[in-house]
Amino acid sequence: MTRTAPWRLVWTLAVTEIVSWGSLYYAFSVLLVPMERDLGWDRDTLVGAFSLGMLCAGIGSWPAGALIDRYGGRMLMTLGSVAAAGLLALLAYAHTVTAFYLIWIGLGFAMSAVLYEPAFAVIYQNFKDDGKKAVTVLTLAAGFASTLFWPLTQVLVEPLGWRTTTTVLALLNLLICFPLHAFVLPGIHKATRAATSESATAGPKDSRYSPLRSRTFWLLAIAFTANMLAFSALSVHLIPLLTERGLSGAVAVSLAALIGPMQVAGRIVEYSLGRRVSVFCSGLVALVRRQRCAAGIQSRGTLRRGVQLIKRFRFSILIAVACFIVIW
């Protein structure tokens, strides 16, 4: 690739990550209550399918990484976009719990092929020394996925219903992500082949340095898992929680959508100050802010409506900055 071509790759992935995260992950929170009413299933059943999909996304990330190392990202992410489009279209016709769960299992594996993990791998294959800067740009742009897709899904679901809305989301994956992944992402290149060949011929001695044997690796894995557990619970339940507290769907979505700009702001702050502040201090600040957010949720019912809106605005800011200081 030329010097300018990798940055075209970053902006392409920024677009596809916004669509992929928005349609496969964030839209579920807006669709949850309409699905609950239409299907007549309890919320635990619906969220259980989404949770199973997230588990499958984690399981699929391992083979996805191996495939990208061997063949590059074009094939995997293109097939992931096609799978996401097809499964979202099938979701519109789900009428049984079994079908609903099977579709979400498939969507989970599709997520492992199109979300951040494969995108980061593709970037580092093509940027090498500038990979961190490119990943920063990608996450800053893709941080607006919830800001765009929560309101978009709400605008669609009110007049069209959740089934037609999932069909529209499927079309977005097919018409935007599929061609961009297929025609812009690079295929396997010489550097990838060389790295694969080198790893294949490495002696047994090199296996001692596997990150799986590192205590730091497992501590980070536990920390990231715990953090995403909290953030996923927030992402799924925030909008239904606000609507159950008496807010209209539009107002609830507008407040939740503030998380997107604030998480981008949190990433900018962390990127700017990260070299001056220790990881421990960043984590401590994030933990304190999360506790304040949790306390804010409990106290909202006793406040006047105007004060409630201000508190909810602060809640969106604090939770976003806290979550993404930990992740970043």
C-alpha atoms as a PDB file:
ATOM      1  CA  MET A   1       0.000   0.000   0.000  1.00  0.00           C
ATOM      2  CA  THR A   2       1.079   3.606  -0.615  1.00  0.00           C
ATOM      3  CA  ARG A   3       1.382   6.098   2.221  1.00  0.00           C
ATOM      4  CA  THR A   4      -2.089   7.509   1.550  1.00  0.00           C
ATOM      5  CA  ALA A   5      -3.768   4.149   0.981  1.00  0.00           C
ATOM      6  CA  PRO A   6      -3.604   2.982   4.620  1.00  0.00           C
ATOM      7  CA  TRP A   7      -5.446   6.105   5.755  1.00  0.00           C
ATOM      8  CA  ARG A   8      -8.135   5.410   3.178  1.00  0.00           C
ATOM      9  CA  LEU A   9      -8.352   2.019   4.883  1.00  0.00           C
ATOM     10  CA  VAL A  10      -8.868   3.681   8.288  1.00  0.00           C
ATOM     11  CA  TRP A  11     -11.692   5.914   7.085  1.00  0.00           C
ATOM     12  CA  THR A  12     -13.315   2.995   5.298  1.00  0.00           C
ATOM     13  CA  LEU A  13     -13.236   0.932   8.481  1.00  0.00           C
ATOM     14  CA  ALA A  14     -14.575   3.919  10.440  1.00  0.00           C
ATOM     15  CA  VAL A  15     -17.692   3.894   8.253  1.00  0.00           C
ATOM     16  CA  THR A  16     -18.162   0.134   8.405  1.00  0.00           C
ATOM     17  CA  GLU A  17     -17.558  -0.001  12.171  1.00  0.00           C
ATOM     18  CA  ILE A  18     -20.227   2.643  12.760  1.00  0.00           C
ATOM     19  CA  VAL A  19     -22.735   0.627  10.721  1.00  0.00           C
ATOM     20  CA  SER A  20     -21.704  -2.721  12.203  1.00  0.00           C
ATOM     21  CA  TRP A  21     -21.713  -1.604  15.833  1.00  0.00           C
ATOM     22  CA  GLY A  22     -24.876   0.420  15.333  1.00  0.00           C
ATOM     23  CA  SER A  23     -26.926  -2.296  13.642  1.00  0.00           C
ATOM     24  CA  LEU A  24     -25.614  -5.410  15.405  1.00  0.00           C
ATOM     25  CA  TYR A  25     -25.041  -4.091  18.909  1.00  0.00           C
ATOM     26  CA  TYR A  26     -26.610  -0.750  19.793  1.00  0.00           C
ATOM     27  CA  ALA A  27     -29.912  -1.149  17.922  1.00  0.00           C
ATOM     28  CA  PHE A  28     -30.957  -4.022  20.184  1.00  0.00           C
ATOM     29  CA  SER A  29     -31.598  -1.657  23.106  1.00  0.00           C
ATOM     30  CA  VAL A  30     -34.159   0.324  21.081  1.00  0.00           C
ATOM     31  CA  LEU A  31     -35.743  -2.832  19.629  1.00  0.00           C
ATOM     32  CA  LEU A  32     -36.011  -4.600  22.983  1.00  0.00           C
ATOM     33  CA  VAL A  33     -39.340  -3.179  24.178  1.00  0.00           C
ATOM     34  CA  PRO A  34     -41.084  -3.422  20.752  1.00  0.00           C
ATOM     35  CA  MET A  35     -39.921  -7.057  20.455  1.00  0.00           C
ATOM     36  CA  GLU A  36     -41.136  -7.761  23.967  1.00  0.00           C
ATOM     37  CA  ARG A  37     -44.606  -6.442  23.130  1.00  0.00           C
ATOM     38  CA  ASP A  38     -44.899  -8.113  19.734  1.00  0.00           C
ATOM     39  CA  LEU A  39     -43.506 -11.532  20.577  1.00  0.00           C
ATOM     40  CA  GLY A  40     -44.999 -11.780  24.052  1.00  0.00           C
ATOM     41  CA  TRP A  41     -41.760 -13.123  25.548  1.00  0.00           C
ATOM     42  CA  ASP A  42     -40.280 -11.915  28.807  1.00  0.00           C
ATOM     43  CA  ARG A  43     -37.270  -9.624  28.719  1.00  0.00           C
ATOM     44  CA  ASP A  44     -34.941 -12.245  30.177  1.00  0.00           C
ATOM     45  CA  THR A  45     -35.568 -14.487  27.170  1.00  0.00           C
ATOM     46  CA  LEU A  46     -34.818 -11.710  24.687  1.00  0.00           C
ATOM     47  CA  VAL A  47     -31.711 -10.449  26.472  1.00  0.00           C
ATOM     48  CA  GLY A  48     -30.543 -14.040  26.914  1.00  0.00           C
ATOM     49  CA  ALA A  49     -30.395 -14.450  23.139  1.00  0.00           C
ATOM     50  CA  PHE A  50     -28.390 -11.238  22.786  1.00  0.00           C
ATOM     51  CA  SER A  51     -26.051 -12.353  25.585  1.00  0.00           C
ATOM     52  CA  LEU A  52     -25.523 -15.706  23.892  1.00  0.00           C
ATOM     53  CA  GLY A  53     -24.665 -13.832  20.710  1.00  0.00           C
ATOM     54  CA  MET A  54     -22.050 -11.784  22.566  1.00  0.00           C
ATOM     55  CA  LEU A  55     -20.572 -14.989  23.986  1.00  0.00           C
ATOM     56  CA  CYS A  56     -20.316 -16.413  20.471  1.00  0.00           C
ATOM     57  CA  ALA A  57     -18.654 -13.197  19.332  1.00  0.00           C
ATOM     58  CA  GLY A  58     -15.975 -13.756  21.944  1.00  0.00           C
ATOM     59  CA  ILE A  59     -15.543 -17.406  20.972  1.00  0.00           C
ATOM     60  CA  GLY A  60     -15.303 -16.501  17.293  1.00  0.00           C
ATOM     61  CA  SER A  61     -12.631 -13.860  17.829  1.00  0.00           C
ATOM     62  CA  TRP A  62      -9.882 -16.475  18.187  1.00  0.00           C
ATOM     63  CA  PRO A  63     -10.344 -18.182  14.786  1.00  0.00           C
ATOM     64  CA  ALA A  64     -11.112 -14.782  13.244  1.00  0.00           C
ATOM     65  CA  GLY A  65      -7.694 -13.516  14.304  1.00  0.00           C
ATOM     66  CA  ALA A  66      -5.991 -16.630  12.932  1.00  0.00           C
ATOM     67  CA  LEU A  67      -7.775 -16.228   9.589  1.00  0.00           C
ATOM     68  CA  ILE A  68      -6.740 -12.578   9.313  1.00  0.00           C
ATOM     69  CA  ASP A  69      -3.128 -13.488  10.086  1.00  0.00           C
ATOM     70  CA  ARG A  70      -3.185 -16.057   7.321  1.00  0.00           C
ATOM     71  CA  TYR A  71      -5.387 -14.499   4.639  1.00  0.00           C
ATOM     72  CA  GLY A  72      -5.792 -10.826   5.515  1.00  0.00           C
ATOM     73  CA  GLY A  73      -9.014  -9.105   6.498  1.00  0.00           C
ATOM     74  CA  ARG A  74     -10.833  -8.710   3.193  1.00  0.00           C
ATOM     75  CA  MET A  75     -12.337 -12.192   2.955  1.00  0.00           C
ATOM     76  CA  LEU A  76     -13.353 -12.493   6.615  1.00  0.00           C
ATOM     77  CA  MET A  77     -14.895  -9.034   6.987  1.00  0.00           C
ATOM     78  CA  THR A  78     -16.692  -9.288   3.644  1.00  0.00           C
ATOM     79  CA  LEU A  79     -18.235 -12.622   4.581  1.00  0.00           C
ATOM     80  CA  GLY A  80     -19.047 -11.210   8.016  1.00  0.00           C
ATOM     81  CA  SER A  81     -20.989  -8.346   6.454  1.00  0.00           C
ATOM     82  CA  VAL A  82     -22.937 -10.721   4.208  1.00  0.00           C
ATOM     83  CA  ALA A  83     -23.709 -12.967   7.189  1.00  0.00           C
ATOM     84  CA  ALA A  84     -24.798  -9.995   9.297  1.00  0.00           C
ATOM     85  CA  ALA A  85     -27.121  -8.759   6.546  1.00  0.00           C
ATOM     86  CA  GLY A  86     -28.663 -12.181   5.976  1.00  0.00           C
ATOM     87  CA  LEU A  87     -29.169 -12.938   9.665  1.00  0.00           C
ATOM     88  CA  LEU A  88     -30.694  -9.533  10.420  1.00  0.00           C
ATOM     89  CA  ALA A  89     -33.113 -10.130   7.548  1.00  0.00           C
ATOM     90  CA  LEU A  90     -33.973 -13.556   9.013  1.00  0.00           C
ATOM     91  CA  LEU A  91     -34.498 -11.971  12.423  1.00  0.00           C
ATOM     92  CA  ALA A  92     -37.461 -10.082  10.978  1.00  0.00           C
ATOM     93  CA  TYR A  93     -39.178 -13.450  10.403  1.00  0.00           C
ATOM     94  CA  ALA A  94     -38.384 -15.044  13.777  1.00  0.00           C
ATOM     95  CA  HIS A  95     -41.515 -16.241  15.593  1.00  0.00           C
ATOM     96  CA  THR A  96     -40.138 -18.935  17.901  1.00  0.00           C
ATOM     97  CA  VAL A  97     -37.631 -18.800  20.731  1.00  0.00           C
ATOM     98  CA  THR A  98     -35.495 -21.473  19.069  1.00  0.00           C
ATOM     99  CA  ALA A  99     -35.224 -19.552  15.806  1.00  0.00           C
ATOM    100  CA  PHE A 100     -34.537 -16.313  17.677  1.00  0.00           C
ATOM    101  CA  TYR A 101     -31.674 -17.883  19.621  1.00  0.00           C
ATOM    102  CA  LEU A 102     -30.167 -19.601  16.588  1.00  0.00           C
ATOM    103  CA  ILE A 103     -30.166 -16.316  14.675  1.00  0.00           C
ATOM    104  CA  TRP A 104     -28.424 -14.514  17.522  1.00  0.00           C
ATOM    105  CA  ILE A 105     -25.802 -17.251  17.724  1.00  0.00           C
ATOM    106  CA  GLY A 106     -25.098 -16.607  14.049  1.00  0.00           C
ATOM    107  CA  LEU A 107     -25.075 -12.848  14.605  1.00  0.00           C
ATOM    108  CA  GLY A 108     -22.551 -13.325  17.393  1.00  0.00           C
ATOM    109  CA  PHE A 109     -20.130 -15.078  15.073  1.00  0.00           C
ATOM    110  CA  ALA A 110     -20.794 -12.391  12.457  1.00  0.00           C
ATOM    111  CA  MET A 111     -19.827  -9.756  15.058  1.00  0.00           C
ATOM    112  CA  SER A 112     -16.498 -11.509  15.602  1.00  0.00           C
ATOM    113  CA  ALA A 113     -15.796 -10.952  11.897  1.00  0.00           C
ATOM    114  CA  VAL A 114     -16.770  -7.270  11.599  1.00  0.00           C
ATOM    115  CA  LEU A 115     -16.381  -5.421  14.915  1.00  0.00           C
ATOM    116  CA  TYR A 116     -13.284  -3.831  16.441  1.00  0.00           C
ATOM    117  CA  GLU A 117     -11.065  -6.891  16.847  1.00  0.00           C
ATOM    118  CA  PRO A 118     -10.723  -7.790  13.145  1.00  0.00           C
ATOM    119  CA  ALA A 119     -10.572  -4.110  12.202  1.00  0.00           C
ATOM    120  CA  PHE A 120      -7.656  -3.535  14.583  1.00  0.00           C
ATOM    121  CA  ALA A 121      -5.868  -6.586  13.205  1.00  0.00           C
ATOM    122  CA  VAL A 122      -6.248  -5.297   9.640  1.00  0.00           C
ATOM    123  CA  ILE A 123      -4.923  -1.887  10.654  1.00  0.00           C
ATOM    124  CA  TYR A 124      -1.831  -3.269  12.368  1.00  0.00           C
ATOM    125  CA  GLN A 125      -1.108  -5.476   9.353  1.00  0.00           C
ATOM    126  CA  ASN A 126      -0.971  -2.418   7.118  1.00  0.00           C
ATOM    127  CA  PHE A 127       0.346   0.333   9.420  1.00  0.00           C
ATOM    128  CA  LYS A 128       2.911  -1.483  11.534  1.00  0.00           C
ATOM    129  CA  ASP A 129       4.681   1.298  13.491  1.00  0.00           C
ATOM    130  CA  ASP A 130       1.805   3.804  13.066  1.00  0.00           C
ATOM    131  CA  GLY A 131      -0.833   1.312  14.123  1.00  0.00           C
ATOM    132  CA  LYS A 132      -1.628   2.958  17.460  1.00  0.00           C
ATOM    133  CA  LYS A 133      -2.326   6.316  15.810  1.00  0.00           C
ATOM    134  CA  ALA A 134      -4.558   4.661  13.204  1.00  0.00           C
ATOM    135  CA  VAL A 135      -6.483   2.703  15.842  1.00  0.00           C
ATOM    136  CA  THR A 136      -6.995   5.914  17.819  1.00  0.00           C
ATOM    137  CA  VAL A 137      -8.478   7.636  14.769  1.00  0.00           C
ATOM    138  CA  LEU A 138     -10.721   4.644  14.093  1.00  0.00           C
ATOM    139  CA  THR A 139     -12.089   4.484  17.637  1.00  0.00           C
ATOM    140  CA  LEU A 140     -12.672   8.234  17.728  1.00  0.00           C
ATOM    141  CA  ALA A 141     -14.781   8.066  14.566  1.00  0.00           C
ATOM    142  CA  ALA A 142     -16.580   4.832  15.395  1.00  0.00           C
ATOM    143  CA  GLY A 143     -17.403   6.143  18.864  1.00  0.00           C
ATOM    144  CA  PHE A 144     -20.399   7.890  17.292  1.00  0.00           C
ATOM    145  CA  ALA A 145     -22.105   4.579  16.410  1.00  0.00           C
ATOM    146  CA  SER A 146     -24.547   4.796  19.321  1.00  0.00           C
ATOM    147  CA  THR A 147     -25.140   8.507  18.706  1.00  0.00           C
ATOM    148  CA  LEU A 148     -26.201   7.772  15.126  1.00  0.00           C
ATOM    149  CA  PHE A 149     -27.934   4.425  15.422  1.00  0.00           C
ATOM    150  CA  TRP A 150     -29.955   4.814  18.615  1.00  0.00           C
ATOM    151  CA  PRO A 151     -31.886   7.788  17.149  1.00  0.00           C
ATOM    152  CA  LEU A 152     -31.997   6.206  13.678  1.00  0.00           C
ATOM    153  CA  THR A 153     -33.440   2.959  15.046  1.00  0.00           C
ATOM    154  CA  GLN A 154     -35.964   4.897  17.124  1.00  0.00           C
ATOM    155  CA  VAL A 155     -37.062   6.916  14.069  1.00  0.00           C
ATOM    156  CA  LEU A 156     -37.542   3.686  12.095  1.00  0.00           C
ATOM    157  CA  VAL A 157     -39.173   1.519  14.747  1.00  0.00           C
ATOM    158  CA  GLU A 158     -41.996   3.904  15.667  1.00  0.00           C
ATOM    159  CA  PRO A 159     -43.695   3.970  12.235  1.00  0.00           C
ATOM    160  CA  LEU A 160     -42.369   0.696  10.785  1.00  0.00           C
ATOM    161  CA  GLY A 161     -42.152  -1.726  13.697  1.00  0.00           C
ATOM    162  CA  TRP A 162     -39.148  -3.749  14.791  1.00  0.00           C
ATOM    163  CA  ARG A 163     -39.358  -6.344  11.995  1.00  0.00           C
ATOM    164  CA  THR A 164     -39.136  -3.843   9.153  1.00  0.00           C
ATOM    165  CA  THR A 165     -36.468  -1.942  11.070  1.00  0.00           C
ATOM    166  CA  THR A 166     -34.227  -5.024  11.248  1.00  0.00           C
ATOM    167  CA  THR A 167     -34.692  -5.429   7.499  1.00  0.00           C
ATOM    168  CA  VAL A 168     -33.488  -1.859   6.967  1.00  0.00           C
ATOM    169  CA  LEU A 169     -30.494  -2.545   9.206  1.00  0.00           C
ATOM    170  CA  ALA A 170     -29.751  -5.641   7.134  1.00  0.00           C
ATOM    171  CA  LEU A 171     -29.769  -3.541   3.963  1.00  0.00           C
ATOM    172  CA  LEU A 172     -27.314  -1.079   5.504  1.00  0.00           C
ATOM    173  CA  ASN A 173     -24.869  -3.918   6.121  1.00  0.00           C
ATOM    174  CA  LEU A 174     -25.356  -5.236   2.591  1.00  0.00           C
ATOM    175  CA  LEU A 175     -25.190  -1.902   0.771  1.00  0.00           C
ATOM    176  CA  ILE A 176     -22.489  -0.156   2.833  1.00  0.00           C
ATOM    177  CA  CYS A 177     -20.299  -2.641   4.681  1.00  0.00           C
ATOM    178  CA  PHE A 178     -20.203  -5.396   2.088  1.00  0.00           C
ATOM    179  CA  PRO A 179     -18.859  -3.343  -0.864  1.00  0.00           C
ATOM    180  CA  LEU A 180     -16.432  -1.369   1.305  1.00  0.00           C
ATOM    181  CA  HIS A 181     -14.974  -4.524   2.828  1.00  0.00           C
ATOM    182  CA  ALA A 182     -14.885  -6.312  -0.519  1.00  0.00           C
ATOM    183  CA  PHE A 183     -13.337  -3.575  -2.664  1.00  0.00           C
ATOM    184  CA  VAL A 184     -11.317  -1.353  -0.306  1.00  0.00           C
ATOM    185  CA  LEU A 185      -9.766  -3.712   2.230  1.00  0.00           C
ATOM    186  CA  PRO A 186      -6.475  -5.234   1.073  1.00  0.00           C
ATOM    187  CA  GLY A 187      -6.103  -8.954   0.597  1.00  0.00           C
ATOM    188  CA  ILE A 188      -3.222 -10.978   1.935  1.00  0.00           C
ATOM    189  CA  HIS A 189       0.129  -9.355   1.168  1.00  0.00           C
ATOM    190  CA  LYS A 190       3.737 -10.382   1.255  1.00  0.00           C
ATOM    191  CA  ALA A 191       4.315  -9.183   4.798  1.00  0.00           C
ATOM    192  CA  THR A 192       1.454 -11.331   6.047  1.00  0.00           C
ATOM    193  CA  ARG A 193       2.749 -14.367   4.167  1.00  0.00           C
ATOM    194  CA  ALA A 194       6.230 -13.806   5.532  1.00  0.00           C
ATOM    195  CA  ALA A 195       4.957 -13.531   9.097  1.00  0.00           C
ATOM    196  CA  THR A 196       2.903 -16.693   8.660  1.00  0.00           C
ATOM    197  CA  SER A 197       5.860 -18.567   7.236  1.00  0.00           C
ATOM    198  CA  GLU A 198       8.139 -17.385  10.017  1.00  0.00           C
ATOM    199  CA  SER A 199       5.719 -18.447  12.740  1.00  0.00           C
ATOM    200  CA  ALA A 200       5.236 -21.822  11.089  1.00  0.00           C
ATOM    201  CA  THR A 201       8.977 -22.513  11.033  1.00  0.00           C
ATOM    202  CA  ALA A 202       9.707 -21.205  14.525  1.00  0.00           C
ATOM    203  CA  GLY A 203      11.310 -23.672  16.886  1.00  0.00           C
ATOM    204  CA  PRO A 204       9.757 -25.086  20.076  1.00  0.00           C
ATOM    205  CA  LYS A 205      11.767 -22.614  22.115  1.00  0.00           C
ATOM    206  CA  ASP A 206       9.629 -19.704  20.851  1.00  0.00           C
ATOM    207  CA  SER A 207       6.481 -21.149  22.437  1.00  0.00           C
ATOM    208  CA  ARG A 208       7.799 -20.157  25.870  1.00  0.00           C
ATOM    209  CA  TYR A 209       7.011 -16.539  25.066  1.00  0.00           C
ATOM    210  CA  SER A 210       3.334 -17.074  24.324  1.00  0.00           C
ATOM    211  CA  PRO A 211       1.183 -14.310  25.865  1.00  0.00           C
ATOM    212  CA  LEU A 212      -1.123 -17.028  27.185  1.00  0.00           C
ATOM    213  CA  ARG A 213       1.593 -17.805  29.736  1.00  0.00           C
ATOM    214  CA  SER A 214       1.743 -14.206  30.903  1.00  0.00           C
ATOM    215  CA  ARG A 215       0.092 -13.148  34.177  1.00  0.00           C
ATOM    216  CA  THR A 216      -0.422  -9.654  32.738  1.00  0.00           C
ATOM    217  CA  PHE A 217      -2.349 -11.069  29.776  1.00  0.00           C
ATOM    218  CA  TRP A 218      -4.845 -12.878  32.002  1.00  0.00           C
ATOM    219  CA  LEU A 219      -5.291  -9.930  34.341  1.00  0.00           C
ATOM    220  CA  LEU A 220      -6.052  -7.703  31.356  1.00  0.00           C
ATOM    221  CA  ALA A 221      -8.431 -10.316  29.971  1.00  0.00           C
ATOM    222  CA  ILE A 222     -10.328 -10.415  33.274  1.00  0.00           C
ATOM    223  CA  ALA A 223     -10.412  -6.608  33.499  1.00  0.00           C
ATOM    224  CA  PHE A 224     -11.676  -6.164  29.931  1.00  0.00           C
ATOM    225  CA  THR A 225     -14.295  -8.878  30.426  1.00  0.00           C
ATOM    226  CA  ALA A 226     -15.596  -7.310  33.631  1.00  0.00           C
ATOM    227  CA  ASN A 227     -15.638  -3.860  32.056  1.00  0.00           C
ATOM    228  CA  MET A 228     -17.529  -4.999  28.963  1.00  0.00           C
ATOM    229  CA  LEU A 229     -19.972  -6.918  31.154  1.00  0.00           C
ATOM    230  CA  ALA A 230     -20.905  -3.667  32.876  1.00  0.00           C
ATOM    231  CA  PHE A 231     -20.969  -1.622  29.683  1.00  0.00           C
ATOM    232  CA  SER A 232     -23.033  -4.214  27.789  1.00  0.00           C
ATOM    233  CA  ALA A 233     -25.597  -4.272  30.581  1.00  0.00           C
ATOM    234  CA  LEU A 234     -25.779  -0.485  30.401  1.00  0.00           C
ATOM    235  CA  SER A 235     -26.091  -0.424  26.609  1.00  0.00           C
ATOM    236  CA  VAL A 236     -28.920  -2.957  26.555  1.00  0.00           C
ATOM    237  CA  HIS A 237     -30.981  -1.711  29.493  1.00  0.00           C
ATOM    238  CA  LEU A 238     -30.428   2.062  29.546  1.00  0.00           C
ATOM    239  CA  ILE A 239     -33.142   3.061  27.072  1.00  0.00           C
ATOM    240  CA  PRO A 240     -35.800   0.647  28.443  1.00  0.00           C
ATOM    241  CA  LEU A 241     -34.921   1.856  31.958  1.00  0.00           C
ATOM    242  CA  LEU A 242     -35.435   5.495  31.019  1.00  0.00           C
ATOM    243  CA  THR A 243     -38.735   4.783  29.264  1.00  0.00           C
ATOM    244  CA  GLU A 244     -39.980   2.842  32.293  1.00  0.00           C
ATOM    245  CA  ARG A 245     -39.211   5.921  34.389  1.00  0.00           C
ATOM    246  CA  GLY A 246     -41.773   7.874  32.364  1.00  0.00           C
ATOM    247  CA  LEU A 247     -39.725   9.371  29.545  1.00  0.00           C
ATOM    248  CA  SER A 248     -40.859   9.075  25.951  1.00  0.00           C
ATOM    249  CA  GLY A 249     -38.851   6.882  23.627  1.00  0.00           C
ATOM    250  CA  ALA A 250     -37.495   9.909  21.763  1.00  0.00           C
ATOM    251  CA  VAL A 251     -36.283  11.632  24.940  1.00  0.00           C
ATOM    252  CA  ALA A 252     -34.756   8.424  26.306  1.00  0.00           C
ATOM    253  CA  VAL A 253     -32.869   7.827  23.064  1.00  0.00           C
ATOM    254  CA  SER A 254     -31.694  11.452  22.931  1.00  0.00           C
ATOM    255  CA  LEU A 255     -30.251  11.210  26.435  1.00  0.00           C
ATOM    256  CA  ALA A 256     -28.627   7.838  25.795  1.00  0.00           C
ATOM    257  CA  ALA A 257     -27.132   9.129  22.554  1.00  0.00           C
ATOM    258  CA  LEU A 258     -25.061  11.602  24.567  1.00  0.00           C
ATOM    259  CA  ILE A 259     -22.826   8.704  25.542  1.00  0.00           C
ATOM    260  CA  GLY A 260     -21.319   8.633  22.049  1.00  0.00           C
ATOM    261  CA  PRO A 261     -19.828  12.150  22.033  1.00  0.00           C
ATOM    262  CA  MET A 262     -18.774  11.806  25.657  1.00  0.00           C
ATOM    263  CA  GLN A 263     -16.954   8.541  25.080  1.00  0.00           C
ATOM    264  CA  VAL A 264     -15.103  10.208  22.211  1.00  0.00           C
ATOM    265  CA  ALA A 265     -14.239  13.070  24.552  1.00  0.00           C
ATOM    266  CA  GLY A 266     -13.011  10.535  27.108  1.00  0.00           C
ATOM    267  CA  ARG A 267     -10.773   8.916  24.514  1.00  0.00           C
ATOM    268  CA  ILE A 268      -9.332  12.290  23.518  1.00  0.00           C
ATOM    269  CA  VAL A 269      -8.588  13.168  27.154  1.00  0.00           C
ATOM    270  CA  GLU A 270      -7.012   9.783  27.797  1.00  0.00           C
ATOM    271  CA  TYR A 271      -4.948   9.971  24.601  1.00  0.00           C
ATOM    272  CA  SER A 272      -3.755  13.489  25.497  1.00  0.00           C
ATOM    273  CA  LEU A 273      -2.965  12.812  29.164  1.00  0.00           C
ATOM    274  CA  GLY A 274      -2.227   9.087  29.061  1.00  0.00           C
ATOM    275  CA  ARG A 275       1.537   9.577  29.080  1.00  0.00           C
ATOM    276  CA  ARG A 276       1.372  11.805  32.164  1.00  0.00           C
ATOM    277  CA  VAL A 277      -1.074   9.752  34.237  1.00  0.00           C
ATOM    278  CA  SER A 278      -0.505   6.201  35.389  1.00  0.00           C
ATOM    279  CA  VAL A 279      -2.867   3.399  34.426  1.00  0.00           C
ATOM    280  CA  PHE A 280      -3.729   2.959  38.111  1.00  0.00           C
ATOM    281  CA  CYS A 281      -4.835   6.601  38.461  1.00  0.00           C
ATOM    282  CA  SER A 282      -6.927   6.396  35.279  1.00  0.00           C
ATOM    283  CA  GLY A 283      -8.620   3.243  36.520  1.00  0.00           C
ATOM    284  CA  LEU A 284      -9.256   4.771  39.946  1.00  0.00           C
ATOM    285  CA  VAL A 285     -10.900   7.843  38.404  1.00  0.00           C
ATOM    286  CA  ALA A 286     -13.069   5.609  36.226  1.00  0.00           C
ATOM    287  CA  LEU A 287     -14.121   3.490  39.205  1.00  0.00           C
ATOM    288  CA  VAL A 288     -15.106   6.531  41.297  1.00  0.00           C
ATOM    289  CA  ARG A 289     -17.112   8.013  38.456  1.00  0.00           C
ATOM    290  CA  ARG A 290     -18.951   4.752  37.901  1.00  0.00           C
ATOM    291  CA  GLN A 291     -19.962   4.655  41.549  1.00  0.00           C
ATOM    292  CA  ARG A 292     -21.343   8.190  41.238  1.00  0.00           C
ATOM    293  CA  CYS A 293     -23.306   7.143  38.167  1.00  0.00           C
ATOM    294  CA  ALA A 294     -24.821   4.173  39.976  1.00  0.00           C
ATOM    295  CA  ALA A 295     -25.809   6.431  42.860  1.00  0.00           C
ATOM    296  CA  GLY A 296     -27.394   8.846  40.378  1.00  0.00           C
ATOM    297  CA  ILE A 297     -29.631   6.095  39.001  1.00  0.00           C
ATOM    298  CA  GLN A 298     -30.952   5.305  42.467  1.00  0.00           C
ATOM    299  CA  SER A 299     -31.661   8.934  43.347  1.00  0.00           C
ATOM    300  CA  ARG A 300     -33.440  10.060  40.181  1.00  0.00           C
ATOM    301  CA  GLY A 301     -36.925   9.103  41.355  1.00  0.00           C
ATOM    302  CA  THR A 302     -36.907  11.698  44.157  1.00  0.00           C
ATOM    303  CA  LEU A 303     -36.008  14.699  42.026  1.00  0.00           C
ATOM    304  CA  ARG A 304     -38.098  17.095  40.026  1.00  0.00           C
ATOM    305  CA  ARG A 305     -38.351  16.494  36.309  1.00  0.00           C
ATOM    306  CA  GLY A 306     -36.005  19.310  35.354  1.00  0.00           C
ATOM    307  CA  VAL A 307     -33.385  18.197  37.832  1.00  0.00           C
ATOM    308  CA  GLN A 308     -33.866  14.620  36.623  1.00  0.00           C
ATOM    309  CA  LEU A 309     -32.945  15.582  33.078  1.00  0.00           C
ATOM    310  CA  ILE A 310     -29.794  17.318  34.287  1.00  0.00           C
ATOM    311  CA  LYS A 311     -28.845  14.292  36.363  1.00  0.00           C
ATOM    312  CA  ARG A 312     -29.424  12.011  33.399  1.00  0.00           C
ATOM    313  CA  PHE A 313     -27.268  14.235  31.242  1.00  0.00           C
ATOM    314  CA  ARG A 314     -24.484  14.051  33.843  1.00  0.00           C
ATOM    315  CA  PHE A 315     -25.005  10.309  34.064  1.00  0.00           C
ATOM    316  CA  SER A 316     -24.449   9.915  30.321  1.00  0.00           C
ATOM    317  CA  ILE A 317     -21.255  11.961  30.469  1.00  0.00           C
ATOM    318  CA  LEU A 318     -19.800  10.242  33.508  1.00  0.00           C
ATOM    319  CA  ILE A 319     -20.544   6.659  32.501  1.00  0.00           C
ATOM    320  CA  ALA A 320     -19.127   7.159  29.008  1.00  0.00           C
ATOM    321  CA  VAL A 321     -15.882   8.734  30.211  1.00  0.00           C
ATOM    322  CA  ALA A 322     -15.524   6.109  32.943  1.00  0.00           C
ATOM    323  CA  CYS A 323     -16.080   3.150  30.667  1.00  0.00           C
ATOM    324  CA  PHE A 324     -13.720   4.231  27.956  1.00  0.00           C
ATOM    325  CA  ILE A 325     -10.907   5.359  30.230  1.00  0.00           C
ATOM    326  CA  VAL A 326     -10.848   1.754  31.432  1.00  0.00           C
ATOM    327  CA  ILE A 327     -11.082   0.255  27.929  1.00  0.00           C
ATOM    328  CA  TRP A 328      -8.538   2.568  26.330  1.00  0.00           C
END
